[in-house]
Amino acid sequence: MRLRPTVSETAPTIAATAGLLAGRTAIEVTPALTMLEGPSPGQVYRMAATGRRAYIAGRASVADIPIPDSSVSRRHARLWVELAEGGERAMIEDLASTNGTWINGSRTERGGLERGDRVMLGSVVLRFDLLDPVEVHVVEELEQQVRSASLDPLTGLQTRRAVGDLSAPACGPGERMAAIILDLDHFKQVNDGFGHPAGDAVLTLAARTLAEALRGDDLAVRWGGEEFLALLPGAGVEAALAIASRVLEALKTADTSAITPGRGLSASLGVASAQSGETFASLIGRADRALYRAKLAGRGRVELA
C-alpha cells in the first residue's frame, strides 16, 4: 500500500487523488477519519481537497476537520502525507493541545497512521481509513442525506440538530459560551399583508443577515418559525451583548424594499452567558426568557438574562 505524492517530494500534501493501493489492480484511495465516539458518531472527514498541503483538526468551526467537542482544542492536530522509505505515509502531529493526541492508546507528538488506526483527540475517537472510489461514493451519498436533514431548506441555516444533546454542558471548565435567541417582531403581519412568499423571503433575508453579523466560529440556527438561535463559543457577557446589538442593527438596516415595501425588519433578542456546569437547555432557556422580556419592553431591543 502506498500513497501517491500530488504536489512535490518535499512539501506535505493531501489531495483528492491522495493515494494508490499498489499492485496489478491499483486504485486511488482517499485518506479519511471516521468518528467512532464523539458529538457525531459516523461522521466521515475526507481529506480530499485538491492541492491542500495539510489539514487542521480542532474545535474551531473554521478548522479543516471541525470537531465541536469541549475536550478538543481549537487547533488540536495537523494531518498530512509525506514521503517515506518505500512510499508515502499519512502523518499526524499534535499542536500543543490541552488533552493530547493519541494513536491506538499511546499519546504522541507526531506519528504515522495506518489504515484502521484509532486516533483520539481529547475524548473524541476516530478511525483512520483509506477509502476506495466505491467507499467515497457511499460516503458522499450519506453526507447528502445528512445535509438534507440538518439544514433548513428555506434559510440554509442549521436546524436544531446542530446543537446536539441539549442536556450536555454548554462549555468546558474555564471556557465561555453565550446564546442569543432572536424573534422577528410582528411576523404574522408580513404573511397577512404581503403573502407567504414574502414571509419566506423575509425569513431568508433575516437568516442571511444574522449569519453575516456573527463571528467565524459562531453557529446560526433556525430554531423554529421566525425564531433563530446563535451560539457564541468563547463569548462572555460583554462580547455577547455587542454581537447581539450588531445583529439587531444589521436587521434594522437590511433592505426590504423589494419584499415588503414601506416595512423594515424588527427583532427582539435575548442574551444569556453560560454559568459553570450549565447545560445547553438551561442556557437557551434563560436566553428565551430574556427574549420574552424584550417583547414586553416594546420589541426591537436586546435584553440580558
C-alpha atoms as a PDB file:
ATOM      1  CA  MET A   1       0.000   0.000   0.000  1.00  0.00           C
ATOM      2  CA  ARG A   2       1.356   3.419  -0.893  1.00  0.00           C
ATOM      3  CA  LEU A   3       0.107   6.978  -1.198  1.00  0.00           C
ATOM      4  CA  ARG A   4       0.883   8.847  -4.396  1.00  0.00           C
ATOM      5  CA  PRO A   5       2.580  12.275  -3.995  1.00  0.00           C
ATOM      6  CA  THR A   6       0.450  15.017  -5.549  1.00  0.00           C
ATOM      7  CA  VAL A   7       2.405  18.279  -5.181  1.00  0.00           C
ATOM      8  CA  SER A   8       6.123  17.725  -4.672  1.00  0.00           C
ATOM      9  CA  GLU A   9       8.564  15.412  -2.979  1.00  0.00           C
ATOM     10  CA  THR A  10       9.373  17.951  -0.283  1.00  0.00           C
ATOM     11  CA  ALA A  11       6.062  19.628   0.604  1.00  0.00           C
ATOM     12  CA  PRO A  12       3.500  17.533   2.513  1.00  0.00           C
ATOM     13  CA  THR A  13       0.096  17.352   0.887  1.00  0.00           C
ATOM     14  CA  ILE A  14      -3.211  15.551   0.935  1.00  0.00           C
ATOM     15  CA  ALA A  15      -5.285  15.844  -2.214  1.00  0.00           C
ATOM     16  CA  ALA A  16      -8.301  14.366  -3.918  1.00  0.00           C
ATOM     17  CA  THR A  17      -6.228  11.656  -5.624  1.00  0.00           C
ATOM     18  CA  ALA A  18      -4.297  11.083  -2.439  1.00  0.00           C
ATOM     19  CA  GLY A  19      -3.046   7.584  -2.974  1.00  0.00           C
ATOM     20  CA  LEU A  20      -2.853   4.234  -4.671  1.00  0.00           C
ATOM     21  CA  LEU A  21      -3.206   0.681  -3.496  1.00  0.00           C
ATOM     22  CA  ALA A  22      -0.120  -0.926  -5.011  1.00  0.00           C
ATOM     23  CA  GLY A  23      -0.382  -3.998  -7.196  1.00  0.00           C
ATOM     24  CA  ARG A  24      -1.662  -5.035 -10.573  1.00  0.00           C
ATOM     25  CA  THR A  25      -5.148  -3.712  -9.734  1.00  0.00           C
ATOM     26  CA  ALA A  26      -4.033  -0.395  -8.219  1.00  0.00           C
ATOM     27  CA  ILE A  27      -6.846   2.029  -7.355  1.00  0.00           C
ATOM     28  CA  GLU A  28      -6.916   5.528  -5.954  1.00  0.00           C
ATOM     29  CA  VAL A  29      -7.578   5.910  -2.241  1.00  0.00           C
ATOM     30  CA  THR A  30      -8.584   8.924  -0.172  1.00  0.00           C
ATOM     31  CA  PRO A  31      -7.401   9.368   3.435  1.00  0.00           C
ATOM     32  CA  ALA A  32     -10.274   9.892   5.865  1.00  0.00           C
ATOM     33  CA  LEU A  33     -11.159   9.947   9.551  1.00  0.00           C
ATOM     34  CA  THR A  34     -14.411   8.367  10.758  1.00  0.00           C
ATOM     35  CA  MET A  35     -15.746   9.423  14.165  1.00  0.00           C
ATOM     36  CA  LEU A  36     -16.411   6.430  16.404  1.00  0.00           C
ATOM     37  CA  GLU A  37     -17.056   8.264  19.685  1.00  0.00           C
ATOM     38  CA  GLY A  38     -17.875  11.957  19.986  1.00  0.00           C
ATOM     39  CA  PRO A  39     -20.551  14.505  19.090  1.00  0.00           C
ATOM     40  CA  SER A  40     -21.306  12.990  15.649  1.00  0.00           C
ATOM     41  CA  PRO A  41     -20.628   9.217  15.560  1.00  0.00           C
ATOM     42  CA  GLY A  42     -20.330   8.019  11.981  1.00  0.00           C
ATOM     43  CA  GLN A  43     -19.204  11.426  10.654  1.00  0.00           C
ATOM     44  CA  VAL A  44     -16.568  10.948   7.945  1.00  0.00           C
ATOM     45  CA  TYR A  45     -13.946  13.648   7.364  1.00  0.00           C
ATOM     46  CA  ARG A  46     -12.461  13.102   3.908  1.00  0.00           C
ATOM     47  CA  MET A  47      -9.105  14.695   3.161  1.00  0.00           C
ATOM     48  CA  ALA A  48      -9.863  15.309  -0.485  1.00  0.00           C
ATOM     49  CA  ALA A  49      -9.249  18.974  -1.334  1.00  0.00           C
ATOM     50  CA  THR A  50      -7.017  19.308  -4.394  1.00  0.00           C
ATOM     51  CA  GLY A  51      -3.638  20.819  -3.528  1.00  0.00           C
ATOM     52  CA  ARG A  52      -4.319  21.056   0.229  1.00  0.00           C
ATOM     53  CA  ARG A  53      -0.947  20.641   1.951  1.00  0.00           C
ATOM     54  CA  ALA A  54      -2.282  19.771   5.388  1.00  0.00           C
ATOM     55  CA  TYR A  55      -5.480  19.511   7.387  1.00  0.00           C
ATOM     56  CA  ILE A  56      -6.065  21.058  10.819  1.00  0.00           C
ATOM     57  CA  ALA A  57      -8.397  19.180  13.163  1.00  0.00           C
ATOM     58  CA  GLY A  58      -9.901  21.128  16.043  1.00  0.00           C
ATOM     59  CA  ARG A  59     -12.903  22.604  17.791  1.00  0.00           C
ATOM     60  CA  ALA A  60     -12.868  25.833  15.767  1.00  0.00           C
ATOM     61  CA  SER A  61     -15.635  25.903  13.161  1.00  0.00           C
ATOM     62  CA  VAL A  62     -13.087  27.124  10.600  1.00  0.00           C
ATOM     63  CA  ALA A  63     -10.882  24.051  11.127  1.00  0.00           C
ATOM     64  CA  ASP A  64     -10.493  21.766   8.103  1.00  0.00           C
ATOM     65  CA  ILE A  65     -11.792  18.948  10.311  1.00  0.00           C
ATOM     66  CA  PRO A  66     -14.184  20.701  12.732  1.00  0.00           C
ATOM     67  CA  ILE A  67     -14.990  18.682  15.863  1.00  0.00           C
ATOM     68  CA  PRO A  68     -17.380  20.586  18.172  1.00  0.00           C
ATOM     69  CA  ASP A  69     -16.382  18.961  21.470  1.00  0.00           C
ATOM     70  CA  SER A  70     -15.107  20.756  24.580  1.00  0.00           C
ATOM     71  CA  SER A  71     -12.300  18.194  25.096  1.00  0.00           C
ATOM     72  CA  VAL A  72     -10.846  19.103  21.668  1.00  0.00           C
ATOM     73  CA  SER A  73      -8.621  22.181  21.379  1.00  0.00           C
ATOM     74  CA  ARG A  74      -9.428  24.840  18.796  1.00  0.00           C
ATOM     75  CA  ARG A  75      -6.336  23.791  16.790  1.00  0.00           C
ATOM     76  CA  HIS A  76      -5.724  20.289  18.061  1.00  0.00           C
ATOM     77  CA  ALA A  77      -3.748  18.358  15.448  1.00  0.00           C
ATOM     78  CA  ARG A  78      -2.376  18.566  11.890  1.00  0.00           C
ATOM     79  CA  LEU A  79      -2.559  15.762   9.307  1.00  0.00           C
ATOM     80  CA  TRP A  80      -0.629  15.454   6.084  1.00  0.00           C
ATOM     81  CA  VAL A  81       1.094  12.972   3.742  1.00  0.00           C
ATOM     82  CA  GLU A  82       4.868  12.834   3.452  1.00  0.00           C
ATOM     83  CA  LEU A  83       7.391  10.776   1.552  1.00  0.00           C
ATOM     84  CA  ALA A  84       8.789   7.802   3.438  1.00  0.00           C
ATOM     85  CA  GLU A  85      11.018   4.866   2.672  1.00  0.00           C
ATOM     86  CA  GLY A  86       9.173   2.607   0.253  1.00  0.00           C
ATOM     87  CA  GLY A  87       6.396   5.086  -0.491  1.00  0.00           C
ATOM     88  CA  GLU A  88       4.335   7.737   1.268  1.00  0.00           C
ATOM     89  CA  ARG A  89       2.605   7.713   4.612  1.00  0.00           C
ATOM     90  CA  ALA A  90      -0.069   9.709   6.383  1.00  0.00           C
ATOM     91  CA  MET A  91       1.147  11.644   9.414  1.00  0.00           C
ATOM     92  CA  ILE A  92      -0.445  13.364  12.399  1.00  0.00           C
ATOM     93  CA  GLU A  93       1.105  15.947  14.701  1.00  0.00           C
ATOM     94  CA  ASP A  94      -0.241  17.345  17.969  1.00  0.00           C
ATOM     95  CA  LEU A  95      -0.481  21.157  18.030  1.00  0.00           C
ATOM     96  CA  ALA A  96       0.184  21.639  21.758  1.00  0.00           C
ATOM     97  CA  SER A  97      -3.406  20.601  22.520  1.00  0.00           C
ATOM     98  CA  THR A  98      -4.717  20.560  26.059  1.00  0.00           C
ATOM     99  CA  ASN A  99      -5.758  16.903  26.159  1.00  0.00           C
ATOM    100  CA  GLY A 100      -3.295  15.425  23.701  1.00  0.00           C
ATOM    101  CA  THR A 101      -3.344  13.360  20.522  1.00  0.00           C
ATOM    102  CA  TRP A 102      -3.340   9.574  20.865  1.00  0.00           C
ATOM    103  CA  ILE A 103      -2.782   6.739  18.375  1.00  0.00           C
ATOM    104  CA  ASN A 104      -4.032   3.309  19.402  1.00  0.00           C
ATOM    105  CA  GLY A 105      -3.930   4.268  23.073  1.00  0.00           C
ATOM    106  CA  SER A 106      -0.481   5.879  23.095  1.00  0.00           C
ATOM    107  CA  ARG A 107      -0.028   9.631  23.360  1.00  0.00           C
ATOM    108  CA  THR A 108       2.039  11.042  20.528  1.00  0.00           C
ATOM    109  CA  GLU A 109       3.503  14.362  19.488  1.00  0.00           C
ATOM    110  CA  ARG A 110       3.995  13.166  15.922  1.00  0.00           C
ATOM    111  CA  GLY A 111       3.394   9.793  14.320  1.00  0.00           C
ATOM    112  CA  GLY A 112       2.449   7.838  11.218  1.00  0.00           C
ATOM    113  CA  LEU A 113      -1.025   6.466  10.553  1.00  0.00           C
ATOM    114  CA  GLU A 114      -2.023   3.119   9.084  1.00  0.00           C
ATOM    115  CA  ARG A 115      -5.444   2.034   7.901  1.00  0.00           C
ATOM    116  CA  GLY A 116      -7.587   1.112  10.910  1.00  0.00           C
ATOM    117  CA  ASP A 117      -5.601   3.100  13.474  1.00  0.00           C
ATOM    118  CA  ARG A 118      -7.631   4.609  16.320  1.00  0.00           C
ATOM    119  CA  VAL A 119      -6.932   8.321  16.761  1.00  0.00           C
ATOM    120  CA  MET A 120      -8.099  10.059  19.928  1.00  0.00           C
ATOM    121  CA  LEU A 121      -8.286  13.854  20.100  1.00  0.00           C
ATOM    122  CA  GLY A 122      -9.276  14.705  23.662  1.00  0.00           C
ATOM    123  CA  SER A 123     -12.123  12.279  24.348  1.00  0.00           C
ATOM    124  CA  VAL A 124     -13.173  12.008  20.670  1.00  0.00           C
ATOM    125  CA  VAL A 125     -12.215   8.724  18.991  1.00  0.00           C
ATOM    126  CA  LEU A 126     -11.729   8.482  15.217  1.00  0.00           C
ATOM    127  CA  ARG A 127     -10.592   5.700  12.883  1.00  0.00           C
ATOM    128  CA  PHE A 128      -8.105   6.431  10.109  1.00  0.00           C
ATOM    129  CA  ASP A 129      -9.225   4.989   6.769  1.00  0.00           C
ATOM    130  CA  LEU A 130      -8.103   4.850   3.149  1.00  0.00           C
ATOM    131  CA  LEU A 131     -11.303   4.925   1.126  1.00  0.00           C
ATOM    132  CA  ASP A 132     -11.525   3.416  -2.352  1.00  0.00           C
ATOM    133  CA  PRO A 133     -13.747   5.101  -5.001  1.00  0.00           C
ATOM    134  CA  VAL A 134     -16.787   2.992  -4.134  1.00  0.00           C
ATOM    135  CA  GLU A 135     -16.476   3.874  -0.446  1.00  0.00           C
ATOM    136  CA  VAL A 136     -16.050   7.560  -1.321  1.00  0.00           C
ATOM    137  CA  HIS A 137     -19.269   7.447  -3.354  1.00  0.00           C
ATOM    138  CA  VAL A 138     -21.149   5.845  -0.451  1.00  0.00           C
ATOM    139  CA  VAL A 139     -19.824   8.500   1.936  1.00  0.00           C
ATOM    140  CA  GLU A 140     -20.882  11.283  -0.450  1.00  0.00           C
ATOM    141  CA  GLU A 141     -24.401   9.872  -0.649  1.00  0.00           C
ATOM    142  CA  LEU A 142     -24.645   9.655   3.145  1.00  0.00           C
ATOM    143  CA  GLU A 143     -23.288  13.197   3.531  1.00  0.00           C
ATOM    144  CA  GLN A 144     -26.010  14.478   1.190  1.00  0.00           C
ATOM    145  CA  GLN A 145     -28.672  12.752   3.271  1.00  0.00           C
ATOM    146  CA  VAL A 146     -27.264  14.257   6.470  1.00  0.00           C
ATOM    147  CA  ARG A 147     -27.108  17.735   4.917  1.00  0.00           C
ATOM    148  CA  SER A 148     -30.729  17.431   3.843  1.00  0.00           C
ATOM    149  CA  ALA A 149     -31.727  16.554   7.403  1.00  0.00           C
ATOM    150  CA  SER A 150     -29.556  19.096   9.238  1.00  0.00           C
ATOM    151  CA  LEU A 151     -30.017  22.182   7.032  1.00  0.00           C
ATOM    152  CA  ASP A 152     -33.193  24.218   6.957  1.00  0.00           C
ATOM    153  CA  PRO A 153     -34.363  24.066   3.314  1.00  0.00           C
ATOM    154  CA  LEU A 154     -35.686  27.636   3.318  1.00  0.00           C
ATOM    155  CA  THR A 155     -32.933  29.643   5.015  1.00  0.00           C
ATOM    156  CA  GLY A 156     -29.934  27.345   4.588  1.00  0.00           C
ATOM    157  CA  LEU A 157     -29.125  27.655   8.300  1.00  0.00           C
ATOM    158  CA  GLN A 158     -28.510  24.695  10.565  1.00  0.00           C
ATOM    159  CA  THR A 159     -31.536  23.142  12.270  1.00  0.00           C
ATOM    160  CA  ARG A 160     -31.901  22.203  15.933  1.00  0.00           C
ATOM    161  CA  ARG A 161     -29.937  19.021  15.181  1.00  0.00           C
ATOM    162  CA  ALA A 162     -26.766  21.129  15.040  1.00  0.00           C
ATOM    163  CA  VAL A 163     -26.955  21.873  18.761  1.00  0.00           C
ATOM    164  CA  GLY A 164     -26.869  18.179  19.592  1.00  0.00           C
ATOM    165  CA  ASP A 165     -27.577  16.958  23.106  1.00  0.00           C
ATOM    166  CA  LEU A 166     -29.315  19.779  24.973  1.00  0.00           C
ATOM    167  CA  SER A 167     -28.532  18.091  28.288  1.00  0.00           C
ATOM    168  CA  ALA A 168     -24.768  18.358  27.635  1.00  0.00           C
ATOM    169  CA  PRO A 169     -22.679  21.102  29.283  1.00  0.00           C
ATOM    170  CA  ALA A 170     -22.665  24.270  27.196  1.00  0.00           C
ATOM    171  CA  CYS A 171     -18.890  24.625  27.656  1.00  0.00           C
ATOM    172  CA  GLY A 172     -15.966  23.018  29.436  1.00  0.00           C
ATOM    173  CA  PRO A 173     -14.233  24.203  32.627  1.00  0.00           C
ATOM    174  CA  GLY A 174     -12.637  27.606  32.165  1.00  0.00           C
ATOM    175  CA  GLU A 175     -14.380  28.142  28.831  1.00  0.00           C
ATOM    176  CA  ARG A 176     -17.146  30.550  27.864  1.00  0.00           C
ATOM    177  CA  MET A 177     -20.293  30.222  25.804  1.00  0.00           C
ATOM    178  CA  ALA A 178     -23.193  32.573  25.170  1.00  0.00           C
ATOM    179  CA  ALA A 179     -26.528  32.221  23.426  1.00  0.00           C
ATOM    180  CA  ILE A 180     -28.740  34.687  21.574  1.00  0.00           C
ATOM    181  CA  ILE A 181     -32.392  33.958  20.834  1.00  0.00           C
ATOM    182  CA  LEU A 182     -33.872  36.196  18.135  1.00  0.00           C
ATOM    183  CA  ASP A 183     -37.522  36.511  17.178  1.00  0.00           C
ATOM    184  CA  LEU A 184     -38.807  38.669  14.312  1.00  0.00           C
ATOM    185  CA  ASP A 185     -41.367  41.176  15.547  1.00  0.00           C
ATOM    186  CA  HIS A 186     -44.943  41.090  14.199  1.00  0.00           C
ATOM    187  CA  PHE A 187     -44.006  38.490  11.588  1.00  0.00           C
ATOM    188  CA  LYS A 188     -47.632  37.396  11.186  1.00  0.00           C
ATOM    189  CA  GLN A 189     -48.382  40.832   9.773  1.00  0.00           C
ATOM    190  CA  VAL A 190     -45.886  40.172   6.966  1.00  0.00           C
ATOM    191  CA  ASN A 191     -47.665  36.981   5.930  1.00  0.00           C
ATOM    192  CA  ASP A 192     -51.089  38.567   6.272  1.00  0.00           C
ATOM    193  CA  GLY A 193     -50.208  41.797   4.482  1.00  0.00           C
ATOM    194  CA  PHE A 194     -47.780  40.675   1.780  1.00  0.00           C
ATOM    195  CA  GLY A 195     -48.370  36.918   1.449  1.00  0.00           C
ATOM    196  CA  HIS A 196     -46.458  33.833   2.474  1.00  0.00           C
ATOM    197  CA  PRO A 197     -43.877  34.084  -0.343  1.00  0.00           C
ATOM    198  CA  ALA A 198     -42.903  37.483   1.075  1.00  0.00           C
ATOM    199  CA  GLY A 199     -42.756  35.932   4.536  1.00  0.00           C
ATOM    200  CA  ASP A 200     -40.377  33.263   3.252  1.00  0.00           C
ATOM    201  CA  ALA A 201     -38.226  35.953   1.620  1.00  0.00           C
ATOM    202  CA  VAL A 202     -38.099  37.900   4.901  1.00  0.00           C
ATOM    203  CA  LEU A 203     -37.020  34.778   6.802  1.00  0.00           C
ATOM    204  CA  THR A 204     -34.296  34.103   4.247  1.00  0.00           C
ATOM    205  CA  LEU A 205     -33.083  37.711   4.455  1.00  0.00           C
ATOM    206  CA  ALA A 206     -33.108  37.627   8.266  1.00  0.00           C
ATOM    207  CA  ALA A 207     -31.143  34.364   8.300  1.00  0.00           C
ATOM    208  CA  ARG A 208     -28.512  35.746   5.928  1.00  0.00           C
ATOM    209  CA  THR A 209     -28.264  38.988   7.899  1.00  0.00           C
ATOM    210  CA  LEU A 210     -27.831  37.077  11.169  1.00  0.00           C
ATOM    211  CA  ALA A 211     -25.139  34.786   9.758  1.00  0.00           C
ATOM    212  CA  GLU A 212     -23.182  37.697   8.272  1.00  0.00           C
ATOM    213  CA  ALA A 213     -23.278  39.637  11.551  1.00  0.00           C
ATOM    214  CA  LEU A 214     -21.840  36.764  13.595  1.00  0.00           C
ATOM    215  CA  ARG A 215     -18.190  35.814  14.014  1.00  0.00           C
ATOM    216  CA  GLY A 216     -16.484  32.989  12.158  1.00  0.00           C
ATOM    217  CA  ASP A 217     -16.809  30.436  14.982  1.00  0.00           C
ATOM    218  CA  ASP A 218     -20.409  31.287  15.883  1.00  0.00           C
ATOM    219  CA  LEU A 219     -23.291  28.988  14.984  1.00  0.00           C
ATOM    220  CA  ALA A 220     -26.536  30.303  13.482  1.00  0.00           C
ATOM    221  CA  VAL A 221     -29.596  28.040  13.768  1.00  0.00           C
ATOM    222  CA  ARG A 222     -33.187  28.353  12.636  1.00  0.00           C
ATOM    223  CA  TRP A 223     -34.788  27.454  15.928  1.00  0.00           C
ATOM    224  CA  GLY A 224     -38.351  27.378  14.608  1.00  0.00           C
ATOM    225  CA  GLY A 225     -40.807  29.581  12.743  1.00  0.00           C
ATOM    226  CA  GLU A 226     -39.483  33.151  12.831  1.00  0.00           C
ATOM    227  CA  GLU A 227     -37.156  32.377  15.750  1.00  0.00           C
ATOM    228  CA  PHE A 228     -33.381  31.988  15.406  1.00  0.00           C
ATOM    229  CA  LEU A 229     -30.604  30.894  17.767  1.00  0.00           C
ATOM    230  CA  ALA A 230     -26.960  31.923  17.757  1.00  0.00           C
ATOM    231  CA  LEU A 231     -24.364  30.111  19.872  1.00  0.00           C
ATOM    232  CA  LEU A 232     -21.221  32.116  20.599  1.00  0.00           C
ATOM    233  CA  PRO A 233     -18.270  29.991  21.783  1.00  0.00           C
ATOM    234  CA  GLY A 234     -15.700  31.934  23.799  1.00  0.00           C
ATOM    235  CA  ALA A 235     -18.010  34.937  24.281  1.00  0.00           C
ATOM    236  CA  GLY A 236     -18.606  36.479  27.689  1.00  0.00           C
ATOM    237  CA  VAL A 237     -21.423  38.828  28.623  1.00  0.00           C
ATOM    238  CA  GLU A 238     -19.957  41.992  27.081  1.00  0.00           C
ATOM    239  CA  ALA A 239     -18.994  40.295  23.819  1.00  0.00           C
ATOM    240  CA  ALA A 240     -22.385  38.605  23.540  1.00  0.00           C
ATOM    241  CA  LEU A 241     -24.235  41.893  24.076  1.00  0.00           C
ATOM    242  CA  ALA A 242     -22.049  43.606  21.475  1.00  0.00           C
ATOM    243  CA  ILE A 243     -22.759  40.853  18.950  1.00  0.00           C
ATOM    244  CA  ALA A 244     -26.500  40.962  19.684  1.00  0.00           C
ATOM    245  CA  SER A 245     -26.535  44.738  19.198  1.00  0.00           C
ATOM    246  CA  ARG A 246     -24.688  44.331  15.893  1.00  0.00           C
ATOM    247  CA  VAL A 247     -27.214  41.720  14.747  1.00  0.00           C
ATOM    248  CA  LEU A 248     -30.119  43.976  15.710  1.00  0.00           C
ATOM    249  CA  GLU A 249     -28.650  46.956  13.869  1.00  0.00           C
ATOM    250  CA  ALA A 250     -27.958  44.850  10.779  1.00  0.00           C
ATOM    251  CA  LEU A 251     -31.569  43.673  10.741  1.00  0.00           C
ATOM    252  CA  LYS A 252     -32.933  47.196  11.155  1.00  0.00           C
ATOM    253  CA  THR A 253     -30.869  48.469   8.226  1.00  0.00           C
ATOM    254  CA  ALA A 254     -31.481  45.486   5.924  1.00  0.00           C
ATOM    255  CA  ASP A 255     -33.044  46.438   2.602  1.00  0.00           C
ATOM    256  CA  THR A 256     -36.571  45.011   2.463  1.00  0.00           C
ATOM    257  CA  SER A 257     -37.915  47.395  -0.200  1.00  0.00           C
ATOM    258  CA  ALA A 258     -38.265  44.671  -2.819  1.00  0.00           C
ATOM    259  CA  ILE A 259     -40.049  42.308  -0.401  1.00  0.00           C
ATOM    260  CA  THR A 260     -42.201  44.396   1.919  1.00  0.00           C
ATOM    261  CA  PRO A 261     -42.248  47.990   0.581  1.00  0.00           C
ATOM    262  CA  GLY A 262     -42.546  50.520   3.369  1.00  0.00           C
ATOM    263  CA  ARG A 263     -41.879  47.983   6.075  1.00  0.00           C
ATOM    264  CA  GLY A 264     -38.464  47.205   7.571  1.00  0.00           C
ATOM    265  CA  LEU A 265     -37.215  44.400   9.780  1.00  0.00           C
ATOM    266  CA  SER A 266     -37.544  44.466  13.549  1.00  0.00           C
ATOM    267  CA  ALA A 267     -36.500  41.794  16.031  1.00  0.00           C
ATOM    268  CA  SER A 268     -36.330  41.166  19.749  1.00  0.00           C
ATOM    269  CA  LEU A 269     -33.258  39.436  21.169  1.00  0.00           C
ATOM    270  CA  GLY A 270     -32.494  37.663  24.423  1.00  0.00           C
ATOM    271  CA  VAL A 271     -28.903  37.059  25.527  1.00  0.00           C
ATOM    272  CA  ALA A 272     -27.514  34.649  28.128  1.00  0.00           C
ATOM    273  CA  SER A 273     -23.946  33.772  29.138  1.00  0.00           C
ATOM    274  CA  ALA A 274     -23.282  30.215  30.321  1.00  0.00           C
ATOM    275  CA  GLN A 275     -22.778  29.607  34.020  1.00  0.00           C
ATOM    276  CA  SER A 276     -20.442  26.934  35.388  1.00  0.00           C
ATOM    277  CA  GLY A 277     -21.761  23.470  34.544  1.00  0.00           C
ATOM    278  CA  GLU A 278     -24.881  24.823  32.825  1.00  0.00           C
ATOM    279  CA  THR A 279     -26.449  22.723  30.078  1.00  0.00           C
ATOM    280  CA  PHE A 280     -27.387  23.973  26.618  1.00  0.00           C
ATOM    281  CA  ALA A 281     -31.055  23.540  27.550  1.00  0.00           C
ATOM    282  CA  SER A 282     -30.693  25.816  30.585  1.00  0.00           C
ATOM    283  CA  LEU A 283     -28.604  28.398  28.715  1.00  0.00           C
ATOM    284  CA  ILE A 284     -31.041  28.614  25.817  1.00  0.00           C
ATOM    285  CA  GLY A 285     -33.979  28.686  28.211  1.00  0.00           C
ATOM    286  CA  ARG A 286     -32.568  31.725  30.036  1.00  0.00           C
ATOM    287  CA  ALA A 287     -31.945  33.479  26.713  1.00  0.00           C
ATOM    288  CA  ASP A 288     -35.532  32.718  25.716  1.00  0.00           C
ATOM    289  CA  ARG A 289     -36.872  34.283  28.921  1.00  0.00           C
ATOM    290  CA  ALA A 290     -34.765  37.376  28.228  1.00  0.00           C
ATOM    291  CA  LEU A 291     -36.292  37.469  24.742  1.00  0.00           C
ATOM    292  CA  TYR A 292     -39.751  37.449  26.301  1.00  0.00           C
ATOM    293  CA  ARG A 293     -38.785  40.449  28.445  1.00  0.00           C
ATOM    294  CA  ALA A 294     -37.581  42.236  25.289  1.00  0.00           C
ATOM    295  CA  LYS A 295     -41.007  41.657  23.743  1.00  0.00           C
ATOM    296  CA  LEU A 296     -42.773  43.007  26.829  1.00  0.00           C
ATOM    297  CA  ALA A 297     -40.475  46.054  26.906  1.00  0.00           C
ATOM    298  CA  GLY A 298     -41.580  47.169  23.466  1.00  0.00           C
ATOM    299  CA  ARG A 299     -39.745  44.904  20.965  1.00  0.00           C
ATOM    300  CA  GLY A 300     -36.861  45.865  18.702  1.00  0.00           C
ATOM    301  CA  ARG A 301     -34.357  45.610  21.542  1.00  0.00           C
ATOM    302  CA  VAL A 302     -31.831  43.372  23.334  1.00  0.00           C
ATOM    303  CA  GLU A 303     -32.331  42.049  26.868  1.00  0.00           C
ATOM    304  CA  LEU A 304     -29.780  40.186  29.003  1.00  0.00           C
ATOM    305  CA  ALA A 305     -30.722  37.174  31.112  1.00  0.00           C
END
